[in-house]
Amino acid sequence: MPAPLSSNRDMTGQVAFVTGAARNIGAAVCRSLADAGVDIVATDVLDCADTVADVEQLGRRAVGLEL
């Protein structure tokens, strides 16, 4: 089983644009990237407010875009 993303390398200061971020895998990717120090632009056809809140609780900046 691969190691979690956050243990592979420090990505502090990077920004990730994540599609499908409102639920399931997309939301998990956002949390994992945020844990590695990445700020997030979360996009989905659904509201991403919960994902944005999760990322912000991890101390990273996040913006949610409902497309």
PDB file of N, CA and C in Angstrom:
ATOM      1  N   MET A   1       0.848  -1.179   0.000  1.00  0.00           N
ATOM      2  CA  MET A   1       0.000   0.000   0.000  1.00  0.00           C
ATOM      3  C   MET A   1       0.891   1.239   0.000  1.00  0.00           C
ATOM      4  N   PRO A   2       0.632   2.204  -0.898  1.00  0.00           N
ATOM      5  CA  PRO A   2       1.472   3.401  -0.945  1.00  0.00           C
ATOM      6  C   PRO A   2       1.304   4.253   0.316  1.00  0.00           C
ATOM      7  N   ALA A   3       2.340   5.005   0.618  1.00  0.00           N
ATOM      8  CA  ALA A   3       2.293   5.915   1.764  1.00  0.00           C
ATOM      9  C   ALA A   3       1.355   7.070   1.447  1.00  0.00           C
ATOM     10  N   PRO A   4       0.768   7.688   2.464  1.00  0.00           N
ATOM     11  CA  PRO A   4      -0.086   8.855   2.224  1.00  0.00           C
ATOM     12  C   PRO A   4       0.690   9.953   1.518  1.00  0.00           C
ATOM     13  N   LEU A   5      -0.010  10.738   0.725  1.00  0.00           N
ATOM     14  CA  LEU A   5       0.616  11.807  -0.036  1.00  0.00           C
ATOM     15  C   LEU A   5       1.430  12.732   0.849  1.00  0.00           C
ATOM     16  N   SER A   6       0.913  13.051   2.022  1.00  0.00           N
ATOM     17  CA  SER A   6       1.572  14.021   2.889  1.00  0.00           C
ATOM     18  C   SER A   6       2.945  13.558   3.359  1.00  0.00           C
ATOM     19  N   SER A   7       3.201  12.269   3.372  1.00  0.00           N
ATOM     20  CA  SER A   7       4.507  11.796   3.827  1.00  0.00           C
ATOM     21  C   SER A   7       5.510  11.706   2.681  1.00  0.00           C
ATOM     22  N   ASN A   8       5.063  11.850   1.442  1.00  0.00           N
ATOM     23  CA  ASN A   8       5.969  11.729   0.305  1.00  0.00           C
ATOM     24  C   ASN A   8       6.845  12.955   0.113  1.00  0.00           C
ATOM     25  N   ARG A   9       6.242  14.149   0.214  1.00  0.00           N
ATOM     26  CA  ARG A   9       7.028  15.362   0.060  1.00  0.00           C
ATOM     27  C   ARG A   9       6.233  16.566   0.522  1.00  0.00           C
ATOM     28  N   ASP A  10       6.968  17.615   0.843  1.00  0.00           N
ATOM     29  CA  ASP A  10       6.337  18.865   1.260  1.00  0.00           C
ATOM     30  C   ASP A  10       5.952  19.656   0.018  1.00  0.00           C
ATOM     31  N   MET A  11       4.702  19.983  -0.105  1.00  0.00           N
ATOM     32  CA  MET A  11       4.213  20.737  -1.267  1.00  0.00           C
ATOM     33  C   MET A  11       3.679  22.103  -0.848  1.00  0.00           C
ATOM     34  N   THR A  12       4.175  22.603   0.296  1.00  0.00           N
ATOM     35  CA  THR A  12       3.727  23.886   0.820  1.00  0.00           C
ATOM     36  C   THR A  12       3.909  24.983  -0.217  1.00  0.00           C
ATOM     37  N   GLY A  13       2.865  25.803  -0.359  1.00  0.00           N
ATOM     38  CA  GLY A  13       2.920  26.932  -1.286  1.00  0.00           C
ATOM     39  C   GLY A  13       2.365  26.627  -2.661  1.00  0.00           C
ATOM     40  N   GLN A  14       2.078  25.373  -2.944  1.00  0.00           N
ATOM     41  CA  GLN A  14       1.497  24.998  -4.227  1.00  0.00           C
ATOM     42  C   GLN A  14      -0.024  25.193  -4.176  1.00  0.00           C
ATOM     43  N   VAL A  15      -0.639  25.282  -5.337  1.00  0.00           N
ATOM     44  CA  VAL A  15      -2.095  25.389  -5.443  1.00  0.00           C
ATOM     45  C   VAL A  15      -2.582  24.277  -6.360  1.00  0.00           C
ATOM     46  N   ALA A  16      -3.635  23.573  -5.931  1.00  0.00           N
ATOM     47  CA  ALA A  16      -4.217  22.496  -6.740  1.00  0.00           C
ATOM     48  C   ALA A  16      -5.645  22.867  -7.119  1.00  0.00           C
ATOM     49  N   PHE A  17      -5.998  22.600  -8.354  1.00  0.00           N
ATOM     50  CA  PHE A  17      -7.340  22.774  -8.888  1.00  0.00           C
ATOM     51  C   PHE A  17      -7.943  21.374  -8.960  1.00  0.00           C
ATOM     52  N   VAL A  18      -8.928  21.082  -8.096  1.00  0.00           N
ATOM     53  CA  VAL A  18      -9.483  19.733  -7.984  1.00  0.00           C
ATOM     54  C   VAL A  18     -10.932  19.737  -8.478  1.00  0.00           C
ATOM     55  N   THR A  19     -11.225  18.907  -9.464  1.00  0.00           N
ATOM     56  CA  THR A  19     -12.594  18.770  -9.960  1.00  0.00           C
ATOM     57  C   THR A  19     -13.295  17.639  -9.214  1.00  0.00           C
ATOM     58  N   GLY A  20     -14.610  17.716  -9.140  1.00  0.00           N
ATOM     59  CA  GLY A  20     -15.374  16.697  -8.423  1.00  0.00           C
ATOM     60  C   GLY A  20     -15.100  16.738  -6.932  1.00  0.00           C
ATOM     61  N   ALA A  21     -14.854  17.935  -6.400  1.00  0.00           N
ATOM     62  CA  ALA A  21     -14.353  18.090  -5.040  1.00  0.00           C
ATOM     63  C   ALA A  21     -15.418  18.080  -3.946  1.00  0.00           C
ATOM     64  N   ALA A  22     -16.685  18.065  -4.305  1.00  0.00           N
ATOM     65  CA  ALA A  22     -17.739  18.162  -3.290  1.00  0.00           C
ATOM     66  C   ALA A  22     -17.902  16.879  -2.479  1.00  0.00           C
ATOM     67  N   ARG A  23     -17.564  15.745  -3.069  1.00  0.00           N
ATOM     68  CA  ARG A  23     -17.827  14.473  -2.384  1.00  0.00           C
ATOM     69  C   ARG A  23     -16.753  13.444  -2.690  1.00  0.00           C
ATOM     70  N   ASN A  24     -16.808  12.378  -1.930  1.00  0.00           N
ATOM     71  CA  ASN A  24     -16.069  11.136  -2.181  1.00  0.00           C
ATOM     72  C   ASN A  24     -14.592  11.347  -2.497  1.00  0.00           C
ATOM     73  N   ILE A  25     -14.152  10.818  -3.625  1.00  0.00           N
ATOM     74  CA  ILE A  25     -12.729  10.829  -3.960  1.00  0.00           C
ATOM     75  C   ILE A  25     -12.191  12.248  -4.100  1.00  0.00           C
ATOM     76  N   GLY A  26     -12.938  13.122  -4.761  1.00  0.00           N
ATOM     77  CA  GLY A  26     -12.477  14.500  -4.935  1.00  0.00           C
ATOM     78  C   GLY A  26     -12.261  15.207  -3.610  1.00  0.00           C
ATOM     79  N   ALA A  27     -13.191  15.029  -2.671  1.00  0.00           N
ATOM     80  CA  ALA A  27     -13.049  15.640  -1.350  1.00  0.00           C
ATOM     81  C   ALA A  27     -11.852  15.047  -0.612  1.00  0.00           C
ATOM     82  N   ALA A  28     -11.647  13.751  -0.746  1.00  0.00           N
ATOM     83  CA  ALA A  28     -10.506  13.094  -0.099  1.00  0.00           C
ATOM     84  C   ALA A  28      -9.185  13.593  -0.686  1.00  0.00           C
ATOM     85  N   VAL A  29      -9.145  13.814  -1.984  1.00  0.00           N
ATOM     86  CA  VAL A  29      -7.948  14.356  -2.631  1.00  0.00           C
ATOM     87  C   VAL A  29      -7.654  15.756  -2.080  1.00  0.00           C
ATOM     88  N   CYS A  30      -8.695  16.567  -1.951  1.00  0.00           N
ATOM     89  CA  CYS A  30      -8.514  17.916  -1.392  1.00  0.00           C
ATOM     90  C   CYS A  30      -7.926  17.861   0.005  1.00  0.00           C
ATOM     91  N   ARG A  31      -8.462  16.994   0.850  1.00  0.00           N
ATOM     92  CA  ARG A  31      -7.956  16.881   2.217  1.00  0.00           C
ATOM     93  C   ARG A  31      -6.513  16.380   2.244  1.00  0.00           C
ATOM     94  N   SER A  32      -6.203  15.420   1.410  1.00  0.00           N
ATOM     95  CA  SER A  32      -4.847  14.872   1.366  1.00  0.00           C
ATOM     96  C   SER A  32      -3.843  15.918   0.885  1.00  0.00           C
ATOM     97  N   LEU A  33      -4.212  16.649  -0.160  1.00  0.00           N
ATOM     98  CA  LEU A  33      -3.335  17.702  -0.666  1.00  0.00           C
ATOM     99  C   LEU A  33      -3.156  18.810   0.372  1.00  0.00           C
ATOM    100  N   ALA A  34      -4.238  19.190   1.033  1.00  0.00           N
ATOM    101  CA  ALA A  34      -4.156  20.218   2.071  1.00  0.00           C
ATOM    102  C   ALA A  34      -3.247  19.764   3.209  1.00  0.00           C
ATOM    103  N   ASP A  35      -3.318  18.494   3.545  1.00  0.00           N
ATOM    104  CA  ASP A  35      -2.458  17.939   4.579  1.00  0.00           C
ATOM    105  C   ASP A  35      -0.985  18.020   4.178  1.00  0.00           C
ATOM    106  N   ALA A  36      -0.724  18.026   2.877  1.00  0.00           N
ATOM    107  CA  ALA A  36       0.645  18.135   2.365  1.00  0.00           C
ATOM    108  C   ALA A  36       1.072  19.589   2.184  1.00  0.00           C
ATOM    109  N   GLY A  37       0.189  20.545   2.532  1.00  0.00           N
ATOM    110  CA  GLY A  37       0.561  21.954   2.466  1.00  0.00           C
ATOM    111  C   GLY A  37       0.065  22.699   1.254  1.00  0.00           C
ATOM    112  N   VAL A  38      -0.825  22.082   0.476  1.00  0.00           N
ATOM    113  CA  VAL A  38      -1.319  22.678  -0.764  1.00  0.00           C
ATOM    114  C   VAL A  38      -2.595  23.475  -0.491  1.00  0.00           C
ATOM    115  N   ASP A  39      -2.693  24.664  -1.111  1.00  0.00           N
ATOM    116  CA  ASP A  39      -3.942  25.419  -1.098  1.00  0.00           C
ATOM    117  C   ASP A  39      -4.822  24.878  -2.224  1.00  0.00           C
ATOM    118  N   ILE A  40      -6.143  24.965  -2.059  1.00  0.00           N
ATOM    119  CA  ILE A  40      -7.068  24.244  -2.931  1.00  0.00           C
ATOM    120  C   ILE A  40      -8.066  25.167  -3.620  1.00  0.00           C
ATOM    121  N   VAL A  41      -8.293  24.919  -4.907  1.00  0.00           N
ATOM    122  CA  VAL A  41      -9.439  25.441  -5.634  1.00  0.00           C
ATOM    123  C   VAL A  41     -10.316  24.222  -5.891  1.00  0.00           C
ATOM    124  N   ALA A  42     -11.429  24.142  -5.178  1.00  0.00           N
ATOM    125  CA  ALA A  42     -12.326  22.985  -5.243  1.00  0.00           C
ATOM    126  C   ALA A  42     -13.489  23.297  -6.178  1.00  0.00           C
ATOM    127  N   THR A  43     -13.679  22.475  -7.202  1.00  0.00           N
ATOM    128  CA  THR A  43     -14.764  22.706  -8.151  1.00  0.00           C
ATOM    129  C   THR A  43     -15.654  21.476  -8.264  1.00  0.00           C
ATOM    130  N   ASP A  44     -16.933  21.737  -8.544  1.00  0.00           N
ATOM    131  CA  ASP A  44     -17.891  20.647  -8.721  1.00  0.00           C
ATOM    132  C   ASP A  44     -19.189  21.250  -9.247  1.00  0.00           C
ATOM    133  N   VAL A  45     -20.088  20.412  -9.713  1.00  0.00           N
ATOM    134  CA  VAL A  45     -21.435  20.876 -10.068  1.00  0.00           C
ATOM    135  C   VAL A  45     -22.274  21.012  -8.801  1.00  0.00           C
ATOM    136  N   LEU A  46     -21.776  20.465  -7.701  1.00  0.00           N
ATOM    137  CA  LEU A  46     -22.422  20.556  -6.394  1.00  0.00           C
ATOM    138  C   LEU A  46     -21.679  21.575  -5.538  1.00  0.00           C
ATOM    139  N   ASP A  47     -22.280  21.977  -4.431  1.00  0.00           N
ATOM    140  CA  ASP A  47     -21.670  22.926  -3.506  1.00  0.00           C
ATOM    141  C   ASP A  47     -20.466  22.290  -2.804  1.00  0.00           C
ATOM    142  N   CYS A  48     -19.348  22.988  -2.772  1.00  0.00           N
ATOM    143  CA  CYS A  48     -18.107  22.484  -2.178  1.00  0.00           C
ATOM    144  C   CYS A  48     -17.843  23.051  -0.789  1.00  0.00           C
ATOM    145  N   ALA A  49     -18.852  23.650  -0.151  1.00  0.00           N
ATOM    146  CA  ALA A  49     -18.646  24.326   1.134  1.00  0.00           C
ATOM    147  C   ALA A  49     -18.063  23.396   2.199  1.00  0.00           C
ATOM    148  N   ASP A  50     -18.521  22.162   2.267  1.00  0.00           N
ATOM    149  CA  ASP A  50     -17.999  21.230   3.278  1.00  0.00           C
ATOM    150  C   ASP A  50     -16.527  20.910   3.032  1.00  0.00           C
ATOM    151  N   THR A  51     -16.172  20.724   1.778  1.00  0.00           N
ATOM    152  CA  THR A  51     -14.777  20.441   1.440  1.00  0.00           C
ATOM    153  C   THR A  51     -13.901  21.640   1.765  1.00  0.00           C
ATOM    154  N   VAL A  52     -14.367  22.836   1.419  1.00  0.00           N
ATOM    155  CA  VAL A  52     -13.616  24.058   1.729  1.00  0.00           C
ATOM    156  C   VAL A  52     -13.405  24.176   3.236  1.00  0.00           C
ATOM    157  N   ALA A  53     -14.437  23.916   4.017  1.00  0.00           N
ATOM    158  CA  ALA A  53     -14.321  23.977   5.478  1.00  0.00           C
ATOM    159  C   ALA A  53     -13.298  22.963   5.989  1.00  0.00           C
ATOM    160  N   ASP A  54     -13.308  21.756   5.437  1.00  0.00           N
ATOM    161  CA  ASP A  54     -12.338  20.728   5.841  1.00  0.00           C
ATOM    162  C   ASP A  54     -10.906  21.182   5.564  1.00  0.00           C
ATOM    163  N   VAL A  55     -10.692  21.742   4.379  1.00  0.00           N
ATOM    164  CA  VAL A  55      -9.354  22.211   3.995  1.00  0.00           C
ATOM    165  C   VAL A  55      -8.908  23.346   4.914  1.00  0.00           C
ATOM    166  N   GLU A  56      -9.805  24.267   5.192  1.00  0.00           N
ATOM    167  CA  GLU A  56      -9.458  25.391   6.058  1.00  0.00           C
ATOM    168  C   GLU A  56      -9.147  24.924   7.480  1.00  0.00           C
ATOM    169  N   GLN A  57      -9.823  23.879   7.948  1.00  0.00           N
ATOM    170  CA  GLN A  57      -9.517  23.326   9.271  1.00  0.00           C
ATOM    171  C   GLN A  57      -8.110  22.739   9.324  1.00  0.00           C
ATOM    172  N   LEU A  58      -7.592  22.349   8.173  1.00  0.00           N
ATOM    173  CA  LEU A  58      -6.226  21.828   8.101  1.00  0.00           C
ATOM    174  C   LEU A  58      -5.204  22.956   7.981  1.00  0.00           C
ATOM    175  N   GLY A  59      -5.677  24.207   8.015  1.00  0.00           N
ATOM    176  CA  GLY A  59      -4.777  25.347   7.996  1.00  0.00           C
ATOM    177  C   GLY A  59      -4.387  25.840   6.625  1.00  0.00           C
ATOM    178  N   ARG A  60      -5.089  25.386   5.597  1.00  0.00           N
ATOM    179  CA  ARG A  60      -4.778  25.812   4.233  1.00  0.00           C
ATOM    180  C   ARG A  60      -5.897  26.714   3.716  1.00  0.00           C
ATOM    181  N   ARG A  61      -5.593  27.467   2.674  1.00  0.00           N
ATOM    182  CA  ARG A  61      -6.593  28.314   2.030  1.00  0.00           C
ATOM    183  C   ARG A  61      -7.359  27.475   1.012  1.00  0.00           C
ATOM    184  N   ALA A  62      -8.653  27.814   0.843  1.00  0.00           N
ATOM    185  CA  ALA A  62      -9.469  27.074  -0.125  1.00  0.00           C
ATOM    186  C   ALA A  62     -10.557  27.984  -0.678  1.00  0.00           C
ATOM    187  N   VAL A  63     -10.886  27.734  -1.940  1.00  0.00           N
ATOM    188  CA  VAL A  63     -11.970  28.416  -2.621  1.00  0.00           C
ATOM    189  C   VAL A  63     -12.825  27.339  -3.264  1.00  0.00           C
ATOM    190  N   GLY A  64     -14.132  27.441  -3.125  1.00  0.00           N
ATOM    191  CA  GLY A  64     -15.045  26.492  -3.764  1.00  0.00           C
ATOM    192  C   GLY A  64     -15.769  27.159  -4.915  1.00  0.00           C
ATOM    193  N   LEU A  65     -15.802  26.485  -6.054  1.00  0.00           N
ATOM    194  CA  LEU A  65     -16.497  26.977  -7.230  1.00  0.00           C
ATOM    195  C   LEU A  65     -17.531  25.965  -7.674  1.00  0.00           C
ATOM    196  N   GLU A  66     -18.794  26.391  -7.698  1.00  0.00           N
ATOM    197  CA  GLU A  66     -19.858  25.524  -8.191  1.00  0.00           C
ATOM    198  C   GLU A  66     -20.050  25.844  -9.662  1.00  0.00           C
ATOM    199  N   LEU A  67     -19.766  24.877 -10.511  1.00  0.00           N
ATOM    200  CA  LEU A  67     -19.814  25.094 -11.967  1.00  0.00           C
ATOM    201  C   LEU A  67     -21.135  24.688 -12.557  1.00  0.00           C
TER     202      LEU A  67
END
